[in-house]
Full PDB file with SEQRES, HELIX, SHEET, SSBOND, CRYST1, ORIGX, SCALE, CONECT and MASTER records, all heavy atoms in Angstrom:
SEQRES   1 A   28  GLU VAL ASN ALA VAL VAL GLN GLU TRP GLY CYS GLY ALA          
SEQRES   2 A   28  LEU ALA ASN LEU ALA ALA ASN ASP ASP ASN LYS LYS THR          
SEQRES   3 A   28  ILE ALA                                                      
HELIX    1 AA1 ALA A    4  LEU A   17  1                                  14    
HELIX    2 AA2 ASP A   21  ILE A   27  1                                   7    
CRYST1    1.000    1.000    1.000  90.00  90.00  90.00 P 1           1          
ORIGX1      1.000000  0.000000  0.000000        0.00000                         
ORIGX2      0.000000  1.000000  0.000000        0.00000                         
ORIGX3      0.000000  0.000000  1.000000        0.00000                         
SCALE1      1.000000  0.000000  0.000000        0.00000                         
SCALE2      0.000000  1.000000  0.000000        0.00000                         
SCALE3      0.000000  0.000000  1.000000        0.00000                         
ATOM      1  N   GLU A   1      56.444  22.328  11.961  1.00  0.00           N  
ATOM      2  CA  GLU A   1      55.100  22.886  11.861  1.00  0.00           C  
ATOM      3  C   GLU A   1      54.515  23.308  13.180  1.00  0.00           C  
ATOM      4  O   GLU A   1      53.583  24.198  13.224  1.00  0.00           O  
ATOM      5  CB  GLU A   1      54.147  21.978  11.043  1.00  0.00           C  
ATOM      6  CG  GLU A   1      54.020  20.590  11.704  1.00  0.00           C  
ATOM      7  CD  GLU A   1      53.246  19.675  10.791  1.00  0.00           C  
ATOM      8  OE1 GLU A   1      53.144  19.884   9.628  1.00  0.00           O  
ATOM      9  OE2 GLU A   1      52.747  18.664  11.346  1.00  0.00           O  
ATOM     10  N   VAL A   2      54.951  22.764  14.270  1.00  0.00           N  
ATOM     11  CA  VAL A   2      54.364  23.092  15.599  1.00  0.00           C  
ATOM     12  C   VAL A   2      55.102  24.259  16.267  1.00  0.00           C  
ATOM     13  O   VAL A   2      54.692  24.776  17.298  1.00  0.00           O  
ATOM     14  CB  VAL A   2      54.340  21.919  16.581  1.00  0.00           C  
ATOM     15  CG1 VAL A   2      53.431  20.781  16.018  1.00  0.00           C  
ATOM     16  CG2 VAL A   2      55.737  21.355  16.867  1.00  0.00           C  
ATOM     17  N   ASN A   3      56.220  24.738  15.610  1.00  0.00           N  
ATOM     18  CA  ASN A   3      56.971  25.833  16.154  1.00  0.00           C  
ATOM     19  C   ASN A   3      56.526  27.160  15.506  1.00  0.00           C  
ATOM     20  O   ASN A   3      56.756  27.416  14.367  1.00  0.00           O  
ATOM     21  CB  ASN A   3      58.439  25.609  15.903  1.00  0.00           C  
ATOM     22  CG  ASN A   3      59.366  26.641  16.505  1.00  0.00           C  
ATOM     23  OD1 ASN A   3      59.037  27.778  16.523  1.00  0.00           O  
ATOM     24  ND2 ASN A   3      60.480  26.159  17.016  1.00  0.00           N  
ATOM     25  N   ALA A   4      55.847  27.957  16.360  1.00  0.00           N  
ATOM     26  CA  ALA A   4      55.210  29.168  15.853  1.00  0.00           C  
ATOM     27  C   ALA A   4      56.283  30.163  15.327  1.00  0.00           C  
ATOM     28  O   ALA A   4      56.015  30.892  14.363  1.00  0.00           O  
ATOM     29  CB  ALA A   4      54.367  29.875  16.901  1.00  0.00           C  
ATOM     30  N   VAL A   5      57.455  30.199  15.977  1.00  0.00           N  
ATOM     31  CA  VAL A   5      58.491  31.096  15.523  1.00  0.00           C  
ATOM     32  C   VAL A   5      58.985  30.770  14.127  1.00  0.00           C  
ATOM     33  O   VAL A   5      59.154  31.661  13.296  1.00  0.00           O  
ATOM     34  CB  VAL A   5      59.618  31.181  16.593  1.00  0.00           C  
ATOM     35  CG1 VAL A   5      60.782  32.008  16.078  1.00  0.00           C  
ATOM     36  CG2 VAL A   5      59.141  31.652  17.916  1.00  0.00           C  
ATOM     37  N   VAL A   6      59.167  29.519  13.868  1.00  0.00           N  
ATOM     38  CA  VAL A   6      59.577  29.055  12.576  1.00  0.00           C  
ATOM     39  C   VAL A   6      58.554  29.413  11.502  1.00  0.00           C  
ATOM     40  O   VAL A   6      58.823  29.931  10.439  1.00  0.00           O  
ATOM     41  CB  VAL A   6      59.869  27.514  12.526  1.00  0.00           C  
ATOM     42  CG1 VAL A   6      60.087  27.072  11.044  1.00  0.00           C  
ATOM     43  CG2 VAL A   6      61.050  27.197  13.387  1.00  0.00           C  
ATOM     44  N   GLN A   7      57.263  29.285  11.846  1.00  0.00           N  
ATOM     45  CA  GLN A   7      56.203  29.651  10.930  1.00  0.00           C  
ATOM     46  C   GLN A   7      56.131  31.131  10.734  1.00  0.00           C  
ATOM     47  O   GLN A   7      55.981  31.584   9.618  1.00  0.00           O  
ATOM     48  CB  GLN A   7      54.842  29.103  11.523  1.00  0.00           C  
ATOM     49  CG  GLN A   7      54.826  27.613  11.723  1.00  0.00           C  
ATOM     50  CD  GLN A   7      55.265  26.775  10.549  1.00  0.00           C  
ATOM     51  OE1 GLN A   7      54.757  26.940   9.439  1.00  0.00           O  
ATOM     52  NE2 GLN A   7      56.192  25.876  10.777  1.00  0.00           N  
ATOM     53  N   GLU A   8      56.298  31.884  11.717  1.00  0.00           N  
ATOM     54  CA  GLU A   8      56.263  33.359  11.629  1.00  0.00           C  
ATOM     55  C   GLU A   8      57.420  33.832  10.679  1.00  0.00           C  
ATOM     56  O   GLU A   8      57.155  34.576   9.731  1.00  0.00           O  
ATOM     57  CB  GLU A   8      56.446  33.952  13.015  1.00  0.00           C  
ATOM     58  CG  GLU A   8      56.702  35.464  13.044  1.00  0.00           C  
ATOM     59  CD  GLU A   8      57.153  35.992  14.346  1.00  0.00           C  
ATOM     60  OE1 GLU A   8      57.070  35.301  15.397  1.00  0.00           O  
ATOM     61  OE2 GLU A   8      57.633  37.108  14.363  1.00  0.00           O  
ATOM     62  N   TRP A   9      58.621  33.390  10.983  1.00  0.00           N  
ATOM     63  CA  TRP A   9      59.779  33.811  10.239  1.00  0.00           C  
ATOM     64  C   TRP A   9      59.732  33.231   8.824  1.00  0.00           C  
ATOM     65  O   TRP A   9      60.151  33.919   7.853  1.00  0.00           O  
ATOM     66  CB  TRP A   9      61.066  33.439  10.921  1.00  0.00           C  
ATOM     67  CG  TRP A   9      61.319  34.323  12.106  1.00  0.00           C  
ATOM     68  CD1 TRP A   9      60.813  34.204  13.342  1.00  0.00           C  
ATOM     69  CD2 TRP A   9      62.089  35.628  12.104  1.00  0.00           C  
ATOM     70  NE1 TRP A   9      61.245  35.262  14.150  1.00  0.00           N  
ATOM     71  CE2 TRP A   9      61.995  36.117  13.398  1.00  0.00           C  
ATOM     72  CE3 TRP A   9      62.778  36.218  11.117  1.00  0.00           C  
ATOM     73  CZ2 TRP A   9      62.648  37.296  13.753  1.00  0.00           C  
ATOM     74  CZ3 TRP A   9      63.447  37.488  11.463  1.00  0.00           C  
ATOM     75  CH2 TRP A   9      63.310  37.940  12.792  1.00  0.00           C  
ATOM     76  N   GLY A  10      59.250  32.031   8.644  1.00  0.00           N  
ATOM     77  CA  GLY A  10      59.118  31.427   7.318  1.00  0.00           C  
ATOM     78  C   GLY A  10      58.188  32.231   6.461  1.00  0.00           C  
ATOM     79  O   GLY A  10      58.440  32.570   5.303  1.00  0.00           O  
ATOM     80  N   CYS A  11      57.010  32.565   7.034  1.00  0.00           N  
ATOM     81  CA  CYS A  11      56.089  33.336   6.291  1.00  0.00           C  
ATOM     82  C   CYS A  11      56.645  34.754   5.957  1.00  0.00           C  
ATOM     83  O   CYS A  11      56.410  35.277   4.851  1.00  0.00           O  
ATOM     84  CB  CYS A  11      54.731  33.523   7.067  1.00  0.00           C  
ATOM     85  SG  CYS A  11      53.699  32.052   7.055  1.00  0.00           S  
ATOM     86  N   GLY A  12      57.369  35.362   6.921  1.00  0.00           N  
ATOM     87  CA  GLY A  12      57.986  36.631   6.673  1.00  0.00           C  
ATOM     88  C   GLY A  12      58.992  36.579   5.521  1.00  0.00           C  
ATOM     89  O   GLY A  12      59.036  37.449   4.709  1.00  0.00           O  
ATOM     90  N   ALA A  13      59.787  35.542   5.483  1.00  0.00           N  
ATOM     91  CA  ALA A  13      60.774  35.346   4.481  1.00  0.00           C  
ATOM     92  C   ALA A  13      60.112  35.122   3.110  1.00  0.00           C  
ATOM     93  O   ALA A  13      60.462  35.754   2.061  1.00  0.00           O  
ATOM     94  CB  ALA A  13      61.749  34.189   4.769  1.00  0.00           C  
ATOM     95  N   LEU A  14      59.079  34.324   3.076  1.00  0.00           N  
ATOM     96  CA  LEU A  14      58.309  34.080   1.875  1.00  0.00           C  
ATOM     97  C   LEU A  14      57.664  35.385   1.380  1.00  0.00           C  
ATOM     98  O   LEU A  14      57.541  35.612   0.179  1.00  0.00           O  
ATOM     99  CB  LEU A  14      57.284  32.985   2.086  1.00  0.00           C  
ATOM    100  CG  LEU A  14      57.841  31.559   2.237  1.00  0.00           C  
ATOM    101  CD1 LEU A  14      56.728  30.620   2.603  1.00  0.00           C  
ATOM    102  CD2 LEU A  14      58.561  31.093   0.954  1.00  0.00           C  
ATOM    103  N   ALA A  15      57.147  36.201   2.322  1.00  0.00           N  
ATOM    104  CA  ALA A  15      56.517  37.459   1.930  1.00  0.00           C  
ATOM    105  C   ALA A  15      57.524  38.363   1.160  1.00  0.00           C  
ATOM    106  O   ALA A  15      57.196  38.960   0.121  1.00  0.00           O  
ATOM    107  CB  ALA A  15      55.965  38.193   3.119  1.00  0.00           C  
ATOM    108  N   ASN A  16      58.777  38.389   1.685  1.00  0.00           N  
ATOM    109  CA  ASN A  16      59.790  39.180   0.982  1.00  0.00           C  
ATOM    110  C   ASN A  16      60.113  38.610  -0.330  1.00  0.00           C  
ATOM    111  O   ASN A  16      60.280  39.323  -1.313  1.00  0.00           O  
ATOM    112  CB  ASN A  16      61.108  39.240   1.857  1.00  0.00           C  
ATOM    113  CG  ASN A  16      60.938  40.050   3.066  1.00  0.00           C  
ATOM    114  OD1 ASN A  16      60.136  40.969   3.140  1.00  0.00           O  
ATOM    115  ND2 ASN A  16      61.671  39.702   4.130  1.00  0.00           N  
ATOM    116  N   LEU A  17      60.242  37.287  -0.441  1.00  0.00           N  
ATOM    117  CA  LEU A  17      60.584  36.670  -1.737  1.00  0.00           C  
ATOM    118  C   LEU A  17      59.418  36.800  -2.735  1.00  0.00           C  
ATOM    119  O   LEU A  17      59.722  36.915  -3.926  1.00  0.00           O  
ATOM    120  CB  LEU A  17      60.900  35.190  -1.514  1.00  0.00           C  
ATOM    121  CG  LEU A  17      62.230  34.855  -0.812  1.00  0.00           C  
ATOM    122  CD1 LEU A  17      62.312  33.375  -0.467  1.00  0.00           C  
ATOM    123  CD2 LEU A  17      63.402  35.327  -1.627  1.00  0.00           C  
ATOM    124  N   ALA A  18      58.234  36.872  -2.286  1.00  0.00           N  
ATOM    125  CA  ALA A  18      57.045  36.929  -3.095  1.00  0.00           C  
ATOM    126  C   ALA A  18      56.892  38.331  -3.765  1.00  0.00           C  
ATOM    127  O   ALA A  18      55.948  38.492  -4.523  1.00  0.00           O  
ATOM    128  CB  ALA A  18      55.808  36.551  -2.382  1.00  0.00           C  
ATOM    129  N   ALA A  19      57.786  39.246  -3.455  1.00  0.00           N  
ATOM    130  CA  ALA A  19      57.776  40.500  -4.123  1.00  0.00           C  
ATOM    131  C   ALA A  19      58.260  40.395  -5.575  1.00  0.00           C  
ATOM    132  O   ALA A  19      58.087  41.226  -6.438  1.00  0.00           O  
ATOM    133  CB  ALA A  19      58.579  41.544  -3.389  1.00  0.00           C  
ATOM    134  N   ASN A  20      58.871  39.245  -5.917  1.00  0.00           N  
ATOM    135  CA  ASN A  20      59.389  38.949  -7.224  1.00  0.00           C  
ATOM    136  C   ASN A  20      58.502  37.955  -7.923  1.00  0.00           C  
ATOM    137  O   ASN A  20      58.101  36.930  -7.376  1.00  0.00           O  
ATOM    138  CB  ASN A  20      60.802  38.307  -7.028  1.00  0.00           C  
ATOM    139  CG  ASN A  20      61.410  37.870  -8.272  1.00  0.00           C  
ATOM    140  OD1 ASN A  20      61.052  36.755  -8.790  1.00  0.00           O  
ATOM    141  ND2 ASN A  20      62.349  38.640  -8.856  1.00  0.00           N  
ATOM    142  N   ASP A  21      58.177  38.268  -9.208  1.00  0.00           N  
ATOM    143  CA  ASP A  21      57.203  37.477  -9.955  1.00  0.00           C  
ATOM    144  C   ASP A  21      57.631  36.032 -10.163  1.00  0.00           C  
ATOM    145  O   ASP A  21      56.899  35.071 -10.036  1.00  0.00           O  
ATOM    146  CB  ASP A  21      56.923  38.070 -11.356  1.00  0.00           C  
ATOM    147  CG  ASP A  21      56.050  39.312 -11.251  1.00  0.00           C  
ATOM    148  OD1 ASP A  21      55.327  39.432 -10.243  1.00  0.00           O  
ATOM    149  OD2 ASP A  21      56.101  40.137 -12.139  1.00  0.00           O  
ATOM    150  N   ASP A  22      59.008  35.804 -10.401  1.00  0.00           N  
ATOM    151  CA  ASP A  22      59.483  34.438 -10.546  1.00  0.00           C  
ATOM    152  C   ASP A  22      59.338  33.648  -9.252  1.00  0.00           C  
ATOM    153  O   ASP A  22      58.956  32.491  -9.270  1.00  0.00           O  
ATOM    154  CB  ASP A  22      60.966  34.431 -10.999  1.00  0.00           C  
ATOM    155  CG  ASP A  22      61.139  34.847 -12.420  1.00  0.00           C  
ATOM    156  OD1 ASP A  22      60.163  34.730 -13.242  1.00  0.00           O  
ATOM    157  OD2 ASP A  22      62.239  35.371 -12.733  1.00  0.00           O  
ATOM    158  N   ASN A  23      59.610  34.274  -8.135  1.00  0.00           N  
ATOM    159  CA  ASN A  23      59.478  33.679  -6.819  1.00  0.00           C  
ATOM    160  C   ASN A  23      58.001  33.355  -6.505  1.00  0.00           C  
ATOM    161  O   ASN A  23      57.733  32.302  -5.891  1.00  0.00           O  
ATOM    162  CB  ASN A  23      60.033  34.475  -5.720  1.00  0.00           C  
ATOM    163  CG  ASN A  23      61.512  34.605  -5.807  1.00  0.00           C  
ATOM    164  OD1 ASN A  23      62.189  33.746  -6.345  1.00  0.00           O  
ATOM    165  ND2 ASN A  23      62.081  35.680  -5.197  1.00  0.00           N  
ATOM    166  N   LYS A  24      57.112  34.143  -6.946  1.00  0.00           N  
ATOM    167  CA  LYS A  24      55.712  33.840  -6.729  1.00  0.00           C  
ATOM    168  C   LYS A  24      55.294  32.577  -7.348  1.00  0.00           C  
ATOM    169  O   LYS A  24      54.683  31.752  -6.742  1.00  0.00           O  
ATOM    170  CB  LYS A  24      54.830  34.989  -7.339  1.00  0.00           C  
ATOM    171  CG  LYS A  24      54.802  36.291  -6.611  1.00  0.00           C  
ATOM    172  CD  LYS A  24      53.954  37.282  -7.359  1.00  0.00           C  
ATOM    173  CE  LYS A  24      54.087  38.657  -6.736  1.00  0.00           C  
ATOM    174  NZ  LYS A  24      53.201  39.668  -7.333  1.00  0.00           N  
ATOM    175  N   LYS A  25      55.732  32.370  -8.589  1.00  0.00           N  
ATOM    176  CA  LYS A  25      55.464  31.156  -9.313  1.00  0.00           C  
ATOM    177  C   LYS A  25      56.081  29.931  -8.597  1.00  0.00           C  
ATOM    178  O   LYS A  25      55.479  28.904  -8.493  1.00  0.00           O  
ATOM    179  CB  LYS A  25      55.993  31.209 -10.728  1.00  0.00           C  
ATOM    180  CG  LYS A  25      55.239  32.244 -11.587  1.00  0.00           C  
ATOM    181  CD  LYS A  25      55.934  32.436 -12.951  1.00  0.00           C  
ATOM    182  CE  LYS A  25      55.295  33.649 -13.630  1.00  0.00           C  
ATOM    183  NZ  LYS A  25      56.019  33.987 -14.856  1.00  0.00           N  
ATOM    184  N   THR A  26      57.330  30.100  -8.149  1.00  0.00           N  
ATOM    185  CA  THR A  26      58.089  29.039  -7.466  1.00  0.00           C  
ATOM    186  C   THR A  26      57.323  28.677  -6.171  1.00  0.00           C  
ATOM    187  O   THR A  26      57.117  27.446  -5.872  1.00  0.00           O  
ATOM    188  CB  THR A  26      59.493  29.421  -7.230  1.00  0.00           C  
ATOM    189  OG1 THR A  26      60.117  29.752  -8.421  1.00  0.00           O  
ATOM    190  CG2 THR A  26      60.228  28.328  -6.458  1.00  0.00           C  
ATOM    191  N   ILE A  27      56.938  29.605  -5.406  1.00  0.00           N  
ATOM    192  CA  ILE A  27      56.206  29.346  -4.117  1.00  0.00           C  
ATOM    193  C   ILE A  27      54.922  28.583  -4.383  1.00  0.00           C  
ATOM    194  O   ILE A  27      54.641  27.584  -3.749  1.00  0.00           O  
ATOM    195  CB  ILE A  27      55.966  30.692  -3.370  1.00  0.00           C  
ATOM    196  CG1 ILE A  27      57.275  31.304  -2.934  1.00  0.00           C  
ATOM    197  CG2 ILE A  27      55.004  30.443  -2.231  1.00  0.00           C  
ATOM    198  CD1 ILE A  27      57.137  32.765  -2.390  1.00  0.00           C  
ATOM    199  N   ALA A  28      54.188  29.055  -5.380  1.00  0.00           N  
ATOM    200  CA  ALA A  28      52.876  28.402  -5.719  1.00  0.00           C  
ATOM    201  C   ALA A  28      53.160  26.961  -6.208  1.00  0.00           C  
ATOM    202  O   ALA A  28      52.507  25.994  -5.806  1.00  0.00           O  
ATOM    203  CB  ALA A  28      52.136  29.206  -6.773  1.00  0.00           C  
TER     204      ALA A  28                                                      
MASTER        0    0    0    2    0    0    0    6  203    1    0    3          
END                                                                             
C-alpha cells in the first residue's frame, strides 16, 4: 500500500478489467 507504483499499476489493471460487467461485480 505504500508503493505508489504498485497502486498506479493496480488501479490501471483494475480499470481495464472493469470494462467487463462480471469483473465489475467481482471487484466490488
